């Protein structure tokens, strides 16, 4: 059971999306910086339901690269 819970939690994290303000808070910067990083290709944004969202796993991976 524990292995299944860990896998479920892992899948939850990889499928979690952040709004621009949530992303900015995570990277400890302004929302305008998130826009800049998206323009520069550092962060990948996804248009979902008329909003630009960011995958948590990708944001964390981008932080490691920087």
PDB file of N, CA and C in Angstrom:
ATOM      1  N   UNK A   1       0.813  -1.190   0.000  1.00  0.00           N
ATOM      2  CA  UNK A   1       0.000   0.000   0.000  1.00  0.00           C
ATOM      3  C   UNK A   1       0.860   1.259   0.000  1.00  0.00           C
ATOM      4  N   UNK A   2       1.945   1.263   0.753  1.00  0.00           N
ATOM      5  CA  UNK A   2       2.793   2.440   0.841  1.00  0.00           C
ATOM      6  C   UNK A   2       3.394   2.795  -0.512  1.00  0.00           C
ATOM      7  N   UNK A   3       3.788   1.798  -1.281  1.00  0.00           N
ATOM      8  CA  UNK A   3       4.378   2.038  -2.594  1.00  0.00           C
ATOM      9  C   UNK A   3       3.343   2.700  -3.504  1.00  0.00           C
ATOM     10  N   UNK A   4       2.109   2.218  -3.459  1.00  0.00           N
ATOM     11  CA  UNK A   4       1.055   2.809  -4.288  1.00  0.00           C
ATOM     12  C   UNK A   4       0.792   4.256  -3.903  1.00  0.00           C
ATOM     13  N   UNK A   5       0.815   4.555  -2.602  1.00  0.00           N
ATOM     14  CA  UNK A   5       0.605   5.931  -2.152  1.00  0.00           C
ATOM     15  C   UNK A   5       1.724   6.840  -2.629  1.00  0.00           C
ATOM     16  N   UNK A   6       2.962   6.357  -2.581  1.00  0.00           N
ATOM     17  CA  UNK A   6       4.097   7.155  -3.036  1.00  0.00           C
ATOM     18  C   UNK A   6       3.976   7.433  -4.526  1.00  0.00           C
ATOM     19  N   UNK A   7       3.563   6.403  -5.273  1.00  0.00           N
ATOM     20  CA  UNK A   7       3.413   6.571  -6.719  1.00  0.00           C
ATOM     21  C   UNK A   7       2.280   7.543  -7.018  1.00  0.00           C
ATOM     22  N   UNK A   8       1.193   7.452  -6.302  1.00  0.00           N
ATOM     23  CA  UNK A   8       0.065   8.362  -6.496  1.00  0.00           C
ATOM     24  C   UNK A   8       0.491   9.794  -6.196  1.00  0.00           C
ATOM     25  N   UNK A   9       1.259   9.989  -5.125  1.00  0.00           N
ATOM     26  CA  UNK A   9       1.742  11.323  -4.775  1.00  0.00           C
ATOM     27  C   UNK A   9       2.679  11.848  -5.858  1.00  0.00           C
ATOM     28  N   UNK A  10       3.510  10.976  -6.398  1.00  0.00           N
ATOM     29  CA  UNK A  10       4.432  11.359  -7.454  1.00  0.00           C
ATOM     30  C   UNK A  10       3.665  11.790  -8.696  1.00  0.00           C
ATOM     31  N   UNK A  11       2.638  11.058  -9.050  1.00  0.00           N
ATOM     32  CA  UNK A  11       1.825  11.413 -10.214  1.00  0.00           C
ATOM     33  C   UNK A  11       1.090  12.725  -9.980  1.00  0.00           C
ATOM     34  N   UNK A  12       0.642  12.943  -8.756  1.00  0.00           N
ATOM     35  CA  UNK A  12      -0.046  14.177  -8.410  1.00  0.00           C
ATOM     36  C   UNK A  12       0.864  15.378  -8.640  1.00  0.00           C
ATOM     37  N   UNK A  13       2.108  15.270  -8.221  1.00  0.00           N
ATOM     38  CA  UNK A  13       3.066  16.362  -8.356  1.00  0.00           C
ATOM     39  C   UNK A  13       3.371  16.622  -9.829  1.00  0.00           C
ATOM     40  N   UNK A  14       3.550  15.570 -10.619  1.00  0.00           N
ATOM     41  CA  UNK A  14       3.898  15.765 -12.023  1.00  0.00           C
ATOM     42  C   UNK A  14       2.739  16.345 -12.815  1.00  0.00           C
ATOM     43  N   UNK A  15       1.512  16.172 -12.359  1.00  0.00           N
ATOM     44  CA  UNK A  15       0.354  16.690 -13.066  1.00  0.00           C
ATOM     45  C   UNK A  15      -0.176  17.991 -12.476  1.00  0.00           C
ATOM     46  N   UNK A  16       0.493  18.535 -11.479  1.00  0.00           N
ATOM     47  CA  UNK A  16       0.014  19.758 -10.835  1.00  0.00           C
ATOM     48  C   UNK A  16       0.412  20.971 -11.663  1.00  0.00           C
ATOM     49  N   UNK A  17      -0.546  21.878 -11.830  1.00  0.00           N
ATOM     50  CA  UNK A  17      -0.308  23.114 -12.561  1.00  0.00           C
ATOM     51  C   UNK A  17      -0.356  24.294 -11.608  1.00  0.00           C
ATOM     52  N   UNK A  18       0.455  25.304 -11.913  1.00  0.00           N
ATOM     53  CA  UNK A  18       0.516  26.519 -11.105  1.00  0.00           C
ATOM     54  C   UNK A  18       0.053  27.709 -11.933  1.00  0.00           C
ATOM     55  N   UNK A  19      -0.615  28.641 -11.279  1.00  0.00           N
ATOM     56  CA  UNK A  19      -0.929  29.912 -11.918  1.00  0.00           C
ATOM     57  C   UNK A  19       0.338  30.767 -11.888  1.00  0.00           C
ATOM     58  N   UNK A  20       0.308  31.884 -12.601  1.00  0.00           N
ATOM     59  CA  UNK A  20       1.482  32.770 -12.610  1.00  0.00           C
ATOM     60  C   UNK A  20       1.826  33.273 -11.209  1.00  0.00           C
ATOM     61  N   UNK A  21       0.846  33.717 -10.398  1.00  0.00           N
ATOM     62  CA  UNK A  21       1.191  34.152  -9.041  1.00  0.00           C
ATOM     63  C   UNK A  21       1.766  33.018  -8.174  1.00  0.00           C
ATOM     64  N   UNK A  22       1.238  31.814  -8.333  1.00  0.00           N
ATOM     65  CA  UNK A  22       1.771  30.673  -7.571  1.00  0.00           C
ATOM     66  C   UNK A  22       3.191  30.355  -8.012  1.00  0.00           C
ATOM     67  N   UNK A  23       3.426  30.422  -9.312  1.00  0.00           N
ATOM     68  CA  UNK A  23       4.761  30.167  -9.854  1.00  0.00           C
ATOM     69  C   UNK A  23       5.745  31.222  -9.345  1.00  0.00           C
ATOM     70  N   UNK A  24       5.319  32.475  -9.360  1.00  0.00           N
ATOM     71  CA  UNK A  24       6.172  33.570  -8.878  1.00  0.00           C
ATOM     72  C   UNK A  24       6.534  33.374  -7.411  1.00  0.00           C
ATOM     73  N   UNK A  25       5.556  32.962  -6.628  1.00  0.00           N
ATOM     74  CA  UNK A  25       5.797  32.728  -5.200  1.00  0.00           C
ATOM     75  C   UNK A  25       6.798  31.588  -5.011  1.00  0.00           C
ATOM     76  N   UNK A  26       6.656  30.538  -5.805  1.00  0.00           N
ATOM     77  CA  UNK A  26       7.553  29.384  -5.696  1.00  0.00           C
ATOM     78  C   UNK A  26       8.995  29.760  -6.026  1.00  0.00           C
ATOM     79  N   UNK A  27       9.172  30.579  -7.058  1.00  0.00           N
ATOM     80  CA  UNK A  27      10.539  30.958  -7.446  1.00  0.00           C
ATOM     81  C   UNK A  27      11.003  32.241  -6.752  1.00  0.00           C
ATOM     82  N   UNK A  28      10.147  32.735  -5.856  1.00  0.00           N
ATOM     83  CA  UNK A  28      10.472  33.913  -5.039  1.00  0.00           C
ATOM     84  C   UNK A  28      10.842  35.115  -5.897  1.00  0.00           C
ATOM     85  N   UNK A  29       9.937  35.426  -6.824  1.00  0.00           N
ATOM     86  CA  UNK A  29      10.134  36.586  -7.682  1.00  0.00           C
ATOM     87  C   UNK A  29       8.776  37.187  -8.044  1.00  0.00           C
ATOM     88  N   UNK A  30       8.805  38.229  -8.836  1.00  0.00           N
ATOM     89  CA  UNK A  30       7.579  38.915  -9.256  1.00  0.00           C
ATOM     90  C   UNK A  30       6.926  38.165 -10.420  1.00  0.00           C
ATOM     91  N   UNK A  31       5.614  38.305 -10.574  1.00  0.00           N
ATOM     92  CA  UNK A  31       4.935  37.704 -11.732  1.00  0.00           C
ATOM     93  C   UNK A  31       5.522  38.163 -13.069  1.00  0.00           C
ATOM     94  N   UNK A  32       6.041  39.383 -13.130  1.00  0.00           N
ATOM     95  CA  UNK A  32       6.658  39.861 -14.375  1.00  0.00           C
ATOM     96  C   UNK A  32       7.911  39.045 -14.722  1.00  0.00           C
ATOM     97  N   UNK A  33       8.588  38.540 -13.707  1.00  0.00           N
ATOM     98  CA  UNK A  33       9.758  37.686 -13.940  1.00  0.00           C
ATOM     99  C   UNK A  33       9.329  36.363 -14.547  1.00  0.00           C
ATOM    100  N   UNK A  34       8.197  35.854 -14.112  1.00  0.00           N
ATOM    101  CA  UNK A  34       7.655  34.607 -14.690  1.00  0.00           C
ATOM    102  C   UNK A  34       7.371  34.838 -16.173  1.00  0.00           C
ATOM    103  N   UNK A  35       6.780  35.981 -16.508  1.00  0.00           N
ATOM    104  CA  UNK A  35       6.536  36.316 -17.916  1.00  0.00           C
ATOM    105  C   UNK A  35       7.842  36.362 -18.701  1.00  0.00           C
ATOM    106  N   UNK A  36       8.848  36.988 -18.106  1.00  0.00           N
ATOM    107  CA  UNK A  36      10.158  37.103 -18.765  1.00  0.00           C
ATOM    108  C   UNK A  36      10.757  35.720 -18.999  1.00  0.00           C
ATOM    109  N   UNK A  37      10.709  34.866 -17.989  1.00  0.00           N
ATOM    110  CA  UNK A  37      11.249  33.513 -18.123  1.00  0.00           C
ATOM    111  C   UNK A  37      10.498  32.726 -19.191  1.00  0.00           C
ATOM    112  N   UNK A  38       9.195  32.971 -19.316  1.00  0.00           N
ATOM    113  CA  UNK A  38       8.409  32.285 -20.346  1.00  0.00           C
ATOM    114  C   UNK A  38       8.831  32.774 -21.733  1.00  0.00           C
ATOM    115  N   UNK A  39       9.013  34.078 -21.884  1.00  0.00           N
ATOM    116  CA  UNK A  39       9.461  34.634 -23.173  1.00  0.00           C
ATOM    117  C   UNK A  39      10.843  34.114 -23.564  1.00  0.00           C
ATOM    118  N   UNK A  40      11.713  33.966 -22.560  1.00  0.00           N
ATOM    119  CA  UNK A  40      13.079  33.486 -22.824  1.00  0.00           C
ATOM    120  C   UNK A  40      13.152  31.973 -23.007  1.00  0.00           C
ATOM    121  N   UNK A  41      12.053  31.276 -22.741  1.00  0.00           N
ATOM    122  CA  UNK A  41      12.029  29.821 -22.892  1.00  0.00           C
ATOM    123  C   UNK A  41      12.530  29.073 -21.669  1.00  0.00           C
ATOM    124  N   UNK A  42      12.752  29.773 -20.579  1.00  0.00           N
ATOM    125  CA  UNK A  42      13.200  29.121 -19.343  1.00  0.00           C
ATOM    126  C   UNK A  42      12.050  28.343 -18.727  1.00  0.00           C
ATOM    127  N   UNK A  43      10.850  28.920 -18.788  1.00  0.00           N
ATOM    128  CA  UNK A  43       9.640  28.247 -18.304  1.00  0.00           C
ATOM    129  C   UNK A  43       8.686  28.038 -19.468  1.00  0.00           C
ATOM    130  N   UNK A  44       8.026  26.904 -19.474  1.00  0.00           N
ATOM    131  CA  UNK A  44       7.037  26.586 -20.501  1.00  0.00           C
ATOM    132  C   UNK A  44       5.645  26.829 -19.935  1.00  0.00           C
ATOM    133  N   UNK A  45       4.875  27.678 -20.591  1.00  0.00           N
ATOM    134  CA  UNK A  45       3.505  27.935 -20.172  1.00  0.00           C
ATOM    135  C   UNK A  45       2.535  27.141 -21.028  1.00  0.00           C
ATOM    136  N   UNK A  46       1.412  26.759 -20.448  1.00  0.00           N
ATOM    137  CA  UNK A  46       0.381  26.003 -21.146  1.00  0.00           C
ATOM    138  C   UNK A  46      -0.932  26.758 -21.027  1.00  0.00           C
ATOM    139  N   UNK A  47      -1.567  27.026 -22.154  1.00  0.00           N
ATOM    140  CA  UNK A  47      -2.840  27.731 -22.124  1.00  0.00           C
ATOM    141  C   UNK A  47      -3.951  26.715 -21.882  1.00  0.00           C
ATOM    142  N   UNK A  48      -4.555  26.818 -20.712  1.00  0.00           N
ATOM    143  CA  UNK A  48      -5.614  25.897 -20.310  1.00  0.00           C
ATOM    144  C   UNK A  48      -6.780  26.728 -19.789  1.00  0.00           C
ATOM    145  N   UNK A  49      -7.921  26.580 -20.412  1.00  0.00           N
ATOM    146  CA  UNK A  49      -9.097  27.324 -19.969  1.00  0.00           C
ATOM    147  C   UNK A  49      -8.916  28.826 -20.027  1.00  0.00           C
ATOM    148  N   UNK A  50      -8.169  29.304 -21.014  1.00  0.00           N
ATOM    149  CA  UNK A  50      -7.962  30.741 -21.165  1.00  0.00           C
ATOM    150  C   UNK A  50      -6.894  31.334 -20.269  1.00  0.00           C
ATOM    151  N   UNK A  51      -6.233  30.503 -19.456  1.00  0.00           N
ATOM    152  CA  UNK A  51      -5.166  30.974 -18.570  1.00  0.00           C
ATOM    153  C   UNK A  51      -3.855  30.294 -18.930  1.00  0.00           C
ATOM    154  N   UNK A  52      -2.765  30.974 -18.656  1.00  0.00           N
ATOM    155  CA  UNK A  52      -1.441  30.377 -18.822  1.00  0.00           C
ATOM    156  C   UNK A  52      -1.079  29.719 -17.496  1.00  0.00           C
ATOM    157  N   UNK A  53      -0.818  28.415 -17.554  1.00  0.00           N
ATOM    158  CA  UNK A  53      -0.439  27.660 -16.354  1.00  0.00           C
ATOM    159  C   UNK A  53       0.927  27.036 -16.567  1.00  0.00           C
ATOM    160  N   UNK A  54       1.572  26.702 -15.463  1.00  0.00           N
ATOM    161  CA  UNK A  54       2.920  26.144 -15.484  1.00  0.00           C
ATOM    162  C   UNK A  54       2.931  24.830 -14.722  1.00  0.00           C
ATOM    163  N   UNK A  55       3.588  23.820 -15.280  1.00  0.00           N
ATOM    164  CA  UNK A  55       3.687  22.528 -14.602  1.00  0.00           C
ATOM    165  C   UNK A  55       4.690  22.641 -13.458  1.00  0.00           C
ATOM    166  N   UNK A  56       4.268  22.208 -12.277  1.00  0.00           N
ATOM    167  CA  UNK A  56       5.112  22.281 -11.086  1.00  0.00           C
ATOM    168  C   UNK A  56       6.441  21.569 -11.317  1.00  0.00           C
ATOM    169  N   UNK A  57       6.402  20.374 -11.869  1.00  0.00           N
ATOM    170  CA  UNK A  57       7.629  19.600 -12.073  1.00  0.00           C
ATOM    171  C   UNK A  57       8.595  20.328 -13.009  1.00  0.00           C
ATOM    172  N   UNK A  58       8.061  21.002 -14.039  1.00  0.00           N
ATOM    173  CA  UNK A  58       8.920  21.733 -14.967  1.00  0.00           C
ATOM    174  C   UNK A  58       9.507  22.980 -14.332  1.00  0.00           C
ATOM    175  N   UNK A  59       8.733  23.643 -13.497  1.00  0.00           N
ATOM    176  CA  UNK A  59       9.249  24.829 -12.800  1.00  0.00           C
ATOM    177  C   UNK A  59      10.371  24.421 -11.859  1.00  0.00           C
ATOM    178  N   UNK A  60      10.165  23.318 -11.123  1.00  0.00           N
ATOM    179  CA  UNK A  60      11.212  22.838 -10.213  1.00  0.00           C
ATOM    180  C   UNK A  60      12.455  22.443 -10.986  1.00  0.00           C
ATOM    181  N   UNK A  61      12.295  21.799 -12.147  1.00  0.00           N
ATOM    182  CA  UNK A  61      13.451  21.404 -12.956  1.00  0.00           C
ATOM    183  C   UNK A  61      14.186  22.640 -13.476  1.00  0.00           C
ATOM    184  N   UNK A  62      13.446  23.680 -13.848  1.00  0.00           N
ATOM    185  CA  UNK A  62      14.077  24.916 -14.325  1.00  0.00           C
ATOM    186  C   UNK A  62      14.867  25.581 -13.205  1.00  0.00           C
ATOM    187  N   UNK A  63      14.372  25.500 -11.978  1.00  0.00           N
ATOM    188  CA  UNK A  63      15.100  26.069 -10.844  1.00  0.00           C
ATOM    189  C   UNK A  63      16.425  25.372 -10.626  1.00  0.00           C
ATOM    190  N   UNK A  64      16.456  24.090 -10.839  1.00  0.00           N
ATOM    191  CA  UNK A  64      17.688  23.319 -10.652  1.00  0.00           C
ATOM    192  C   UNK A  64      18.722  23.746 -11.702  1.00  0.00           C
ATOM    193  N   UNK A  65      18.268  23.985 -12.935  1.00  0.00           N
ATOM    194  CA  UNK A  65      19.171  24.391 -14.018  1.00  0.00           C
ATOM    195  C   UNK A  65      19.779  25.764 -13.770  1.00  0.00           C
ATOM    196  N   UNK A  66      18.996  26.649 -13.160  1.00  0.00           N
ATOM    197  CA  UNK A  66      19.460  28.011 -12.919  1.00  0.00           C
ATOM    198  C   UNK A  66      20.317  27.962 -11.701  1.00  0.00           C
TER     199      UNK A  66
END
